[in-house]
Amino acid sequence: MPWFIKTERFTKSTLELSPKERAIFIDQHKSWVIQLQASGEQISSGYLVNAESLPGGGGLLILKANSFQTARSLIEQDPMITNSLVTWSIQEWIPIAGGVLT
């Protein structure tokens, strides 16, 4: 089964929200990922930081799915997307070197 990677960045309007307001949506996203993991999906999500460990580089979500369309359909349910908080893209990842992920 192939791996897929979603990259994302907050929209300008999301950046204008207070940290408390953004935290509500981030918590919804975390709960969504946890529920998917509990149902057996292979999925992991996190945010990117710079050399000083400061956030702002966007987010990354990795998941295993049967097809591109299956992965896209699942990702489109992400609260960060359903609430129009991020711009995003999805790509299939085809590993060519290194260890094999299970």
PDB file of N, CA and C in Angstrom:
ATOM      1  N   MET A   1       0.853  -1.166   0.000  1.00  0.00           N
ATOM      2  CA  MET A   1       0.000   0.000   0.000  1.00  0.00           C
ATOM      3  C   MET A   1       0.908   1.241   0.000  1.00  0.00           C
ATOM      4  N   PRO A   2       0.631   2.205  -0.857  1.00  0.00           N
ATOM      5  CA  PRO A   2       1.499   3.386  -0.956  1.00  0.00           C
ATOM      6  C   PRO A   2       1.322   4.385   0.198  1.00  0.00           C
ATOM      7  N   TRP A   3       2.348   5.211   0.355  1.00  0.00           N
ATOM      8  CA  TRP A   3       2.348   6.292   1.331  1.00  0.00           C
ATOM      9  C   TRP A   3       2.015   7.596   0.616  1.00  0.00           C
ATOM     10  N   PHE A   4       1.336   8.496   1.334  1.00  0.00           N
ATOM     11  CA  PHE A   4       0.986   9.804   0.802  1.00  0.00           C
ATOM     12  C   PHE A   4       1.374  10.873   1.813  1.00  0.00           C
ATOM     13  N   ILE A   5       1.742  12.026   1.292  1.00  0.00           N
ATOM     14  CA  ILE A   5       2.160  13.136   2.143  1.00  0.00           C
ATOM     15  C   ILE A   5       1.325  14.358   1.801  1.00  0.00           C
ATOM     16  N   LYS A   6       0.723  14.937   2.843  1.00  0.00           N
ATOM     17  CA  LYS A   6       0.011  16.209   2.690  1.00  0.00           C
ATOM     18  C   LYS A   6       0.871  17.286   3.328  1.00  0.00           C
ATOM     19  N   THR A   7       1.147  18.346   2.585  1.00  0.00           N
ATOM     20  CA  THR A   7       1.808  19.511   3.144  1.00  0.00           C
ATOM     21  C   THR A   7       0.788  20.632   3.206  1.00  0.00           C
ATOM     22  N   GLU A   8       0.964  21.521   4.174  1.00  0.00           N
ATOM     23  CA  GLU A   8      -0.009  22.599   4.332  1.00  0.00           C
ATOM     24  C   GLU A   8       0.642  23.828   4.933  1.00  0.00           C
ATOM     25  N   ARG A   9      -0.024  24.951   4.707  1.00  0.00           N
ATOM     26  CA  ARG A   9       0.358  26.230   5.325  1.00  0.00           C
ATOM     27  C   ARG A   9      -0.917  26.945   5.734  1.00  0.00           C
ATOM     28  N   PHE A  10      -0.860  27.648   6.866  1.00  0.00           N
ATOM     29  CA  PHE A  10      -2.000  28.444   7.283  1.00  0.00           C
ATOM     30  C   PHE A  10      -2.314  29.507   6.229  1.00  0.00           C
ATOM     31  N   THR A  11      -3.608  29.780   6.047  1.00  0.00           N
ATOM     32  CA  THR A  11      -4.019  30.888   5.189  1.00  0.00           C
ATOM     33  C   THR A  11      -3.766  32.199   5.944  1.00  0.00           C
ATOM     34  N   LYS A  12      -3.812  33.299   5.218  1.00  0.00           N
ATOM     35  CA  LYS A  12      -3.621  34.611   5.841  1.00  0.00           C
ATOM     36  C   LYS A  12      -4.673  34.843   6.922  1.00  0.00           C
ATOM     37  N   SER A  13      -5.919  34.480   6.638  1.00  0.00           N
ATOM     38  CA  SER A  13      -6.982  34.690   7.630  1.00  0.00           C
ATOM     39  C   SER A  13      -6.777  33.818   8.869  1.00  0.00           C
ATOM     40  N   THR A  14      -6.209  32.647   8.712  1.00  0.00           N
ATOM     41  CA  THR A  14      -5.923  31.790   9.866  1.00  0.00           C
ATOM     42  C   THR A  14      -4.836  32.419  10.731  1.00  0.00           C
ATOM     43  N   LEU A  15      -3.833  33.006  10.090  1.00  0.00           N
ATOM     44  CA  LEU A  15      -2.757  33.658  10.841  1.00  0.00           C
ATOM     45  C   LEU A  15      -3.272  34.866  11.617  1.00  0.00           C
ATOM     46  N   GLU A  16      -4.386  35.426  11.180  1.00  0.00           N
ATOM     47  CA  GLU A  16      -4.965  36.580  11.862  1.00  0.00           C
ATOM     48  C   GLU A  16      -5.794  36.175  13.088  1.00  0.00           C
ATOM     49  N   LEU A  17      -6.082  34.887  13.237  1.00  0.00           N
ATOM     50  CA  LEU A  17      -6.786  34.403  14.426  1.00  0.00           C
ATOM     51  C   LEU A  17      -5.863  34.483  15.638  1.00  0.00           C
ATOM     52  N   SER A  18      -6.439  34.618  16.802  1.00  0.00           N
ATOM     53  CA  SER A  18      -5.628  34.591  18.020  1.00  0.00           C
ATOM     54  C   SER A  18      -5.110  33.166  18.230  1.00  0.00           C
ATOM     55  N   PRO A  19      -4.021  33.014  18.974  1.00  0.00           N
ATOM     56  CA  PRO A  19      -3.536  31.663  19.265  1.00  0.00           C
ATOM     57  C   PRO A  19      -4.616  30.790  19.910  1.00  0.00           C
ATOM     58  N   LYS A  20      -5.440  31.386  20.760  1.00  0.00           N
ATOM     59  CA  LYS A  20      -6.515  30.630  21.416  1.00  0.00           C
ATOM     60  C   LYS A  20      -7.532  30.134  20.378  1.00  0.00           C
ATOM     61  N   GLU A  21      -7.872  30.982  19.412  1.00  0.00           N
ATOM     62  CA  GLU A  21      -8.815  30.588  18.363  1.00  0.00           C
ATOM     63  C   GLU A  21      -8.223  29.488  17.480  1.00  0.00           C
ATOM     64  N   ARG A  22      -6.944  29.626  17.116  1.00  0.00           N
ATOM     65  CA  ARG A  22      -6.285  28.602  16.294  1.00  0.00           C
ATOM     66  C   ARG A  22      -6.214  27.273  17.039  1.00  0.00           C
ATOM     67  N   ALA A  23      -5.977  27.340  18.352  1.00  0.00           N
ATOM     68  CA  ALA A  23      -5.844  26.119  19.162  1.00  0.00           C
ATOM     69  C   ALA A  23      -7.106  25.271  19.102  1.00  0.00           C
ATOM     70  N   ILE A  24      -8.260  25.899  18.999  1.00  0.00           N
ATOM     71  CA  ILE A  24      -9.521  25.150  18.898  1.00  0.00           C
ATOM     72  C   ILE A  24      -9.498  24.248  17.672  1.00  0.00           C
ATOM     73  N   PHE A  25      -9.082  24.807  16.547  1.00  0.00           N
ATOM     74  CA  PHE A  25      -9.053  24.039  15.297  1.00  0.00           C
ATOM     75  C   PHE A  25      -7.930  23.001  15.299  1.00  0.00           C
ATOM     76  N   ILE A  26      -6.801  23.354  15.879  1.00  0.00           N
ATOM     77  CA  ILE A  26      -5.684  22.402  15.952  1.00  0.00           C
ATOM     78  C   ILE A  26      -6.085  21.210  16.821  1.00  0.00           C
ATOM     79  N   ASP A  27      -6.797  21.466  17.898  1.00  0.00           N
ATOM     80  CA  ASP A  27      -7.273  20.364  18.748  1.00  0.00           C
ATOM     81  C   ASP A  27      -8.252  19.470  17.972  1.00  0.00           C
ATOM     82  N   GLN A  28      -9.106  20.072  17.151  1.00  0.00           N
ATOM     83  CA  GLN A  28     -10.020  19.277  16.316  1.00  0.00           C
ATOM     84  C   GLN A  28      -9.226  18.391  15.356  1.00  0.00           C
ATOM     85  N   HIS A  29      -8.170  18.958  14.769  1.00  0.00           N
ATOM     86  CA  HIS A  29      -7.315  18.202  13.853  1.00  0.00           C
ATOM     87  C   HIS A  29      -6.655  17.028  14.583  1.00  0.00           C
ATOM     88  N   LYS A  30      -6.104  17.286  15.761  1.00  0.00           N
ATOM     89  CA  LYS A  30      -5.455  16.221  16.548  1.00  0.00           C
ATOM     90  C   LYS A  30      -6.447  15.110  16.872  1.00  0.00           C
ATOM     91  N   SER A  31      -7.646  15.484  17.286  1.00  0.00           N
ATOM     92  CA  SER A  31      -8.671  14.477  17.600  1.00  0.00           C
ATOM     93  C   SER A  31      -9.015  13.651  16.372  1.00  0.00           C
ATOM     94  N   TRP A  32      -9.096  14.293  15.222  1.00  0.00           N
ATOM     95  CA  TRP A  32      -9.391  13.605  13.962  1.00  0.00           C
ATOM     96  C   TRP A  32      -8.307  12.561  13.665  1.00  0.00           C
ATOM     97  N   VAL A  33      -7.040  12.952  13.811  1.00  0.00           N
ATOM     98  CA  VAL A  33      -5.928  12.019  13.560  1.00  0.00           C
ATOM     99  C   VAL A  33      -5.976  10.860  14.556  1.00  0.00           C
ATOM    100  N   ILE A  34      -6.199  11.158  15.813  1.00  0.00           N
ATOM    101  CA  ILE A  34      -6.262  10.113  16.848  1.00  0.00           C
ATOM    102  C   ILE A  34      -7.395   9.134  16.565  1.00  0.00           C
ATOM    103  N   GLN A  35      -8.544   9.642  16.145  1.00  0.00           N
ATOM    104  CA  GLN A  35      -9.674   8.764  15.802  1.00  0.00           C
ATOM    105  C   GLN A  35      -9.325   7.864  14.621  1.00  0.00           C
ATOM    106  N   LEU A  36      -8.641   8.408  13.624  1.00  0.00           N
ATOM    107  CA  LEU A  36      -8.242   7.594  12.472  1.00  0.00           C
ATOM    108  C   LEU A  36      -7.248   6.518  12.891  1.00  0.00           C
ATOM    109  N   GLN A  37      -6.285   6.870  13.741  1.00  0.00           N
ATOM    110  CA  GLN A  37      -5.332   5.879  14.239  1.00  0.00           C
ATOM    111  C   GLN A  37      -6.058   4.776  14.999  1.00  0.00           C
ATOM    112  N   ALA A  38      -7.010   5.159  15.817  1.00  0.00           N
ATOM    113  CA  ALA A  38      -7.770   4.183  16.607  1.00  0.00           C
ATOM    114  C   ALA A  38      -8.577   3.244  15.713  1.00  0.00           C
ATOM    115  N   SER A  39      -8.952   3.722  14.522  1.00  0.00           N
ATOM    116  CA  SER A  39      -9.719   2.880  13.605  1.00  0.00           C
ATOM    117  C   SER A  39      -8.810   2.027  12.714  1.00  0.00           C
ATOM    118  N   GLY A  40      -7.480   2.139  12.909  1.00  0.00           N
ATOM    119  CA  GLY A  40      -6.553   1.291  12.173  1.00  0.00           C
ATOM    120  C   GLY A  40      -5.810   1.971  11.034  1.00  0.00           C
ATOM    121  N   GLU A  41      -6.085   3.249  10.789  1.00  0.00           N
ATOM    122  CA  GLU A  41      -5.365   3.961   9.721  1.00  0.00           C
ATOM    123  C   GLU A  41      -3.924   4.197  10.149  1.00  0.00           C
ATOM    124  N   GLN A  42      -3.008   4.099   9.187  1.00  0.00           N
ATOM    125  CA  GLN A  42      -1.609   4.438   9.439  1.00  0.00           C
ATOM    126  C   GLN A  42      -1.449   5.900   9.036  1.00  0.00           C
ATOM    127  N   ILE A  43      -1.407   6.773  10.030  1.00  0.00           N
ATOM    128  CA  ILE A  43      -1.396   8.206   9.798  1.00  0.00           C
ATOM    129  C   ILE A  43      -0.614   8.895  10.905  1.00  0.00           C
ATOM    130  N   SER A  44       0.096   9.944  10.551  1.00  0.00           N
ATOM    131  CA  SER A  44       0.832  10.735  11.523  1.00  0.00           C
ATOM    132  C   SER A  44       0.835  12.178  11.048  1.00  0.00           C
ATOM    133  N   SER A  45       0.776  13.106  11.982  1.00  0.00           N
ATOM    134  CA  SER A  45       0.683  14.520  11.632  1.00  0.00           C
ATOM    135  C   SER A  45       1.537  15.344  12.575  1.00  0.00           C
ATOM    136  N   GLY A  46       2.073  16.448  12.074  1.00  0.00           N
ATOM    137  CA  GLY A  46       2.854  17.347  12.916  1.00  0.00           C
ATOM    138  C   GLY A  46       3.129  18.653  12.193  1.00  0.00           C
ATOM    139  N   TYR A  47       3.820  19.545  12.901  1.00  0.00           N
ATOM    140  CA  TYR A  47       4.150  20.825  12.293  1.00  0.00           C
ATOM    141  C   TYR A  47       5.656  20.951  12.139  1.00  0.00           C
ATOM    142  N   LEU A  48       6.055  21.868  11.281  1.00  0.00           N
ATOM    143  CA  LEU A  48       7.460  22.065  10.955  1.00  0.00           C
ATOM    144  C   LEU A  48       7.989  23.299  11.678  1.00  0.00           C
ATOM    145  N   VAL A  49       9.241  23.233  12.128  1.00  0.00           N
ATOM    146  CA  VAL A  49       9.876  24.349  12.830  1.00  0.00           C
ATOM    147  C   VAL A  49      11.202  24.685  12.152  1.00  0.00           C
ATOM    148  N   ASN A  50      11.701  25.894  12.440  1.00  0.00           N
ATOM    149  CA  ASN A  50      12.971  26.309  11.859  1.00  0.00           C
ATOM    150  C   ASN A  50      14.144  25.921  12.773  1.00  0.00           C
ATOM    151  N   ALA A  51      15.339  26.422  12.471  1.00  0.00           N
ATOM    152  CA  ALA A  51      16.542  26.059  13.224  1.00  0.00           C
ATOM    153  C   ALA A  51      16.464  26.483  14.689  1.00  0.00           C
ATOM    154  N   GLU A  52      15.634  27.479  14.985  1.00  0.00           N
ATOM    155  CA  GLU A  52      15.454  27.931  16.359  1.00  0.00           C
ATOM    156  C   GLU A  52      14.248  27.264  17.021  1.00  0.00           C
ATOM    157  N   SER A  53      13.710  26.238  16.390  1.00  0.00           N
ATOM    158  CA  SER A  53      12.543  25.492  16.875  1.00  0.00           C
ATOM    159  C   SER A  53      11.267  26.324  16.921  1.00  0.00           C
ATOM    160  N   LEU A  54      11.207  27.361  16.087  1.00  0.00           N
ATOM    161  CA  LEU A  54      10.005  28.191  16.015  1.00  0.00           C
ATOM    162  C   LEU A  54       9.089  27.680  14.921  1.00  0.00           C
ATOM    163  N   PRO A  55       7.786  27.547  15.209  1.00  0.00           N
ATOM    164  CA  PRO A  55       6.847  27.087  14.182  1.00  0.00           C
ATOM    165  C   PRO A  55       6.646  28.150  13.110  1.00  0.00           C
ATOM    166  N   GLY A  56       5.997  27.768  12.044  1.00  0.00           N
ATOM    167  CA  GLY A  56       5.720  28.693  10.957  1.00  0.00           C
ATOM    168  C   GLY A  56       6.046  28.091   9.607  1.00  0.00           C
ATOM    169  N   GLY A  57       6.622  26.902   9.619  1.00  0.00           N
ATOM    170  CA  GLY A  57       6.987  26.244   8.370  1.00  0.00           C
ATOM    171  C   GLY A  57       5.867  25.430   7.771  1.00  0.00           C
ATOM    172  N   GLY A  58       4.717  25.402   8.434  1.00  0.00           N
ATOM    173  CA  GLY A  58       3.595  24.634   7.921  1.00  0.00           C
ATOM    174  C   GLY A  58       3.463  23.304   8.625  1.00  0.00           C
ATOM    175  N   GLY A  59       2.651  22.450   8.036  1.00  0.00           N
ATOM    176  CA  GLY A  59       2.396  21.155   8.626  1.00  0.00           C
ATOM    177  C   GLY A  59       2.626  20.030   7.634  1.00  0.00           C
ATOM    178  N   LEU A  60       2.756  18.829   8.158  1.00  0.00           N
ATOM    179  CA  LEU A  60       3.010  17.649   7.354  1.00  0.00           C
ATOM    180  C   LEU A  60       2.166  16.512   7.909  1.00  0.00           C
ATOM    181  N   LEU A  61       1.493  15.802   7.030  1.00  0.00           N
ATOM    182  CA  LEU A  61       0.709  14.635   7.408  1.00  0.00           C
ATOM    183  C   LEU A  61       1.122  13.496   6.487  1.00  0.00           C
ATOM    184  N   ILE A  62       1.370  12.341   7.068  1.00  0.00           N
ATOM    185  CA  ILE A  62       1.786  11.166   6.309  1.00  0.00           C
ATOM    186  C   ILE A  62       0.754  10.070   6.556  1.00  0.00           C
ATOM    187  N   LEU A  63       0.309   9.416   5.495  1.00  0.00           N
ATOM    188  CA  LEU A  63      -0.632   8.317   5.669  1.00  0.00           C
ATOM    189  C   LEU A  63      -0.451   7.264   4.594  1.00  0.00           C
ATOM    190  N   LYS A  64      -0.897   6.081   4.927  1.00  0.00           N
ATOM    191  CA  LYS A  64      -0.889   4.961   4.003  1.00  0.00           C
ATOM    192  C   LYS A  64      -2.314   4.772   3.507  1.00  0.00           C
ATOM    193  N   ALA A  65      -2.478   4.585   2.196  1.00  0.00           N
ATOM    194  CA  ALA A  65      -3.813   4.389   1.630  1.00  0.00           C
ATOM    195  C   ALA A  65      -3.714   3.530   0.384  1.00  0.00           C
ATOM    196  N   ASN A  66      -4.842   2.960  -0.016  1.00  0.00           N
ATOM    197  CA  ASN A  66      -4.870   2.090  -1.193  1.00  0.00           C
ATOM    198  C   ASN A  66      -4.627   2.828  -2.496  1.00  0.00           C
ATOM    199  N   SER A  67      -5.015   4.100  -2.553  1.00  0.00           N
ATOM    200  CA  SER A  67      -4.884   4.858  -3.802  1.00  0.00           C
ATOM    201  C   SER A  67      -4.801   6.346  -3.498  1.00  0.00           C
ATOM    202  N   PHE A  68      -4.412   7.101  -4.514  1.00  0.00           N
ATOM    203  CA  PHE A  68      -4.351   8.553  -4.388  1.00  0.00           C
ATOM    204  C   PHE A  68      -5.728   9.093  -4.025  1.00  0.00           C
ATOM    205  N   GLN A  69      -6.763   8.617  -4.711  1.00  0.00           N
ATOM    206  CA  GLN A  69      -8.115   9.115  -4.459  1.00  0.00           C
ATOM    207  C   GLN A  69      -8.587   8.789  -3.048  1.00  0.00           C
ATOM    208  N   THR A  70      -8.258   7.598  -2.561  1.00  0.00           N
ATOM    209  CA  THR A  70      -8.622   7.228  -1.186  1.00  0.00           C
ATOM    210  C   THR A  70      -7.940   8.162  -0.197  1.00  0.00           C
ATOM    211  N   ALA A  71      -6.646   8.408  -0.407  1.00  0.00           N
ATOM    212  CA  ALA A  71      -5.897   9.314   0.474  1.00  0.00           C
ATOM    213  C   ALA A  71      -6.491  10.716   0.415  1.00  0.00           C
ATOM    214  N   ARG A  72      -6.767  11.204  -0.782  1.00  0.00           N
ATOM    215  CA  ARG A  72      -7.329  12.554  -0.951  1.00  0.00           C
ATOM    216  C   ARG A  72      -8.694  12.667  -0.258  1.00  0.00           C
ATOM    217  N   SER A  73      -9.544  11.668  -0.445  1.00  0.00           N
ATOM    218  CA  SER A  73     -10.872  11.697   0.175  1.00  0.00           C
ATOM    219  C   SER A  73     -10.768  11.748   1.693  1.00  0.00           C
ATOM    220  N   LEU A  74      -9.834  11.006   2.245  1.00  0.00           N
ATOM    221  CA  LEU A  74      -9.638  11.011   3.685  1.00  0.00           C
ATOM    222  C   LEU A  74      -9.113  12.363   4.156  1.00  0.00           C
ATOM    223  N   ILE A  75      -8.113  12.875   3.483  1.00  0.00           N
ATOM    224  CA  ILE A  75      -7.502  14.145   3.857  1.00  0.00           C
ATOM    225  C   ILE A  75      -8.498  15.300   3.750  1.00  0.00           C
ATOM    226  N   GLU A  76      -9.390  15.228   2.799  1.00  0.00           N
ATOM    227  CA  GLU A  76     -10.381  16.294   2.645  1.00  0.00           C
ATOM    228  C   GLU A  76     -11.336  16.375   3.835  1.00  0.00           C
ATOM    229  N   GLN A  77     -11.311  15.381   4.721  1.00  0.00           N
ATOM    230  CA  GLN A  77     -12.122  15.398   5.937  1.00  0.00           C
ATOM    231  C   GLN A  77     -11.398  16.061   7.117  1.00  0.00           C
ATOM    232  N   ASP A  78     -10.142  16.397   6.922  1.00  0.00           N
ATOM    233  CA  ASP A  78      -9.353  17.043   7.966  1.00  0.00           C
ATOM    234  C   ASP A  78     -10.013  18.365   8.368  1.00  0.00           C
ATOM    235  N   PRO A  79     -10.253  18.596   9.661  1.00  0.00           N
ATOM    236  CA  PRO A  79     -10.855  19.856  10.089  1.00  0.00           C
ATOM    237  C   PRO A  79     -10.079  21.098   9.641  1.00  0.00           C
ATOM    238  N   MET A  80      -8.776  20.969   9.454  1.00  0.00           N
ATOM    239  CA  MET A  80      -8.006  22.110   8.965  1.00  0.00           C
ATOM    240  C   MET A  80      -8.434  22.484   7.540  1.00  0.00           C
ATOM    241  N   ILE A  81      -8.871  21.483   6.790  1.00  0.00           N
ATOM    242  CA  ILE A  81      -9.324  21.718   5.418  1.00  0.00           C
ATOM    243  C   ILE A  81     -10.803  22.072   5.391  1.00  0.00           C
ATOM    244  N   THR A  82     -11.628  21.331   6.125  1.00  0.00           N
ATOM    245  CA  THR A  82     -13.065  21.606   6.091  1.00  0.00           C
ATOM    246  C   THR A  82     -13.383  22.999   6.627  1.00  0.00           C
ATOM    247  N   ASN A  83     -12.503  23.549   7.464  1.00  0.00           N
ATOM    248  CA  ASN A  83     -12.696  24.901   7.985  1.00  0.00           C
ATOM    249  C   ASN A  83     -11.900  25.951   7.206  1.00  0.00           C
ATOM    250  N   SER A  84     -11.326  25.552   6.062  1.00  0.00           N
ATOM    251  CA  SER A  84     -10.588  26.467   5.162  1.00  0.00           C
ATOM    252  C   SER A  84      -9.472  27.225   5.886  1.00  0.00           C
ATOM    253  N   LEU A  85      -8.726  26.531   6.735  1.00  0.00           N
ATOM    254  CA  LEU A  85      -7.658  27.156   7.505  1.00  0.00           C
ATOM    255  C   LEU A  85      -6.297  27.066   6.835  1.00  0.00           C
ATOM    256  N   VAL A  86      -6.167  26.181   5.851  1.00  0.00           N
ATOM    257  CA  VAL A  86      -4.864  25.941   5.237  1.00  0.00           C
ATOM    258  C   VAL A  86      -4.979  25.847   3.714  1.00  0.00           C
ATOM    259  N   THR A  87      -3.870  26.151   3.070  1.00  0.00           N
ATOM    260  CA  THR A  87      -3.694  25.749   1.680  1.00  0.00           C
ATOM    261  C   THR A  87      -2.902  24.457   1.753  1.00  0.00           C
ATOM    262  N   TRP A  88      -3.160  23.522   0.859  1.00  0.00           N
ATOM    263  CA  TRP A  88      -2.545  22.208   1.010  1.00  0.00           C
ATOM    264  C   TRP A  88      -2.341  21.537  -0.339  1.00  0.00           C
ATOM    265  N   SER A  89      -1.504  20.522  -0.305  1.00  0.00           N
ATOM    266  CA  SER A  89      -1.325  19.654  -1.474  1.00  0.00           C
ATOM    267  C   SER A  89      -1.044  18.251  -0.971  1.00  0.00           C
ATOM    268  N   ILE A  90      -1.297  17.292  -1.826  1.00  0.00           N
ATOM    269  CA  ILE A  90      -1.039  15.890  -1.492  1.00  0.00           C
ATOM    270  C   ILE A  90      -0.220  15.280  -2.621  1.00  0.00           C
ATOM    271  N   GLN A  91       0.716  14.442  -2.231  1.00  0.00           N
ATOM    272  CA  GLN A  91       1.536  13.724  -3.200  1.00  0.00           C
ATOM    273  C   GLN A  91       1.773  12.309  -2.696  1.00  0.00           C
ATOM    274  N   GLU A  92       1.888  11.383  -3.638  1.00  0.00           N
ATOM    275  CA  GLU A  92       2.304  10.036  -3.257  1.00  0.00           C
ATOM    276  C   GLU A  92       3.811  10.058  -3.077  1.00  0.00           C
ATOM    277  N   TRP A  93       4.266   9.365  -2.047  1.00  0.00           N
ATOM    278  CA  TRP A  93       5.692   9.253  -1.788  1.00  0.00           C
ATOM    279  C   TRP A  93       6.152   7.874  -2.231  1.00  0.00           C
ATOM    280  N   ILE A  94       7.168   7.843  -3.086  1.00  0.00           N
ATOM    281  CA  ILE A  94       7.707   6.574  -3.576  1.00  0.00           C
ATOM    282  C   ILE A  94       9.141   6.463  -3.058  1.00  0.00           C
ATOM    283  N   PRO A  95       9.347   5.690  -1.978  1.00  0.00           N
ATOM    284  CA  PRO A  95      10.700   5.568  -1.415  1.00  0.00           C
ATOM    285  C   PRO A  95      11.619   4.795  -2.363  1.00  0.00           C
ATOM    286  N   ILE A  96      12.855   5.269  -2.462  1.00  0.00           N
ATOM    287  CA  ILE A  96      13.813   4.602  -3.350  1.00  0.00           C
ATOM    288  C   ILE A  96      15.076   4.162  -2.632  1.00  0.00           C
ATOM    289  N   ALA A  97      15.301   4.665  -1.406  1.00  0.00           N
ATOM    290  CA  ALA A  97      16.494   4.279  -0.658  1.00  0.00           C
ATOM    291  C   ALA A  97      16.192   4.404   0.836  1.00  0.00           C
ATOM    292  N   GLY A  98      16.939   3.672   1.633  1.00  0.00           N
ATOM    293  CA  GLY A  98      16.740   3.737   3.068  1.00  0.00           C
ATOM    294  C   GLY A  98      15.872   2.609   3.568  1.00  0.00           C
ATOM    295  N   GLY A  99      15.506   2.714   4.831  1.00  0.00           N
ATOM    296  CA  GLY A  99      14.697   1.678   5.454  1.00  0.00           C
ATOM    297  C   GLY A  99      13.288   1.659   4.925  1.00  0.00           C
ATOM    298  N   VAL A 100      12.657   0.527   5.081  1.00  0.00           N
ATOM    299  CA  VAL A 100      11.274   0.354   4.642  1.00  0.00           C
ATOM    300  C   VAL A 100      10.356   0.671   5.803  1.00  0.00           C
ATOM    301  N   LEU A 101       9.385   1.514   5.583  1.00  0.00           N
ATOM    302  CA  LEU A 101       8.369   1.811   6.585  1.00  0.00           C
ATOM    303  C   LEU A 101       7.260   0.773   6.478  1.00  0.00           C
ATOM    304  N   THR A 102       6.756   0.359   7.593  1.00  0.00           N
ATOM    305  CA  THR A 102       5.663  -0.628   7.558  1.00  0.00           C
ATOM    306  C   THR A 102       4.340   0.009   7.831  1.00  0.00           C
TER     307      THR A 102
END
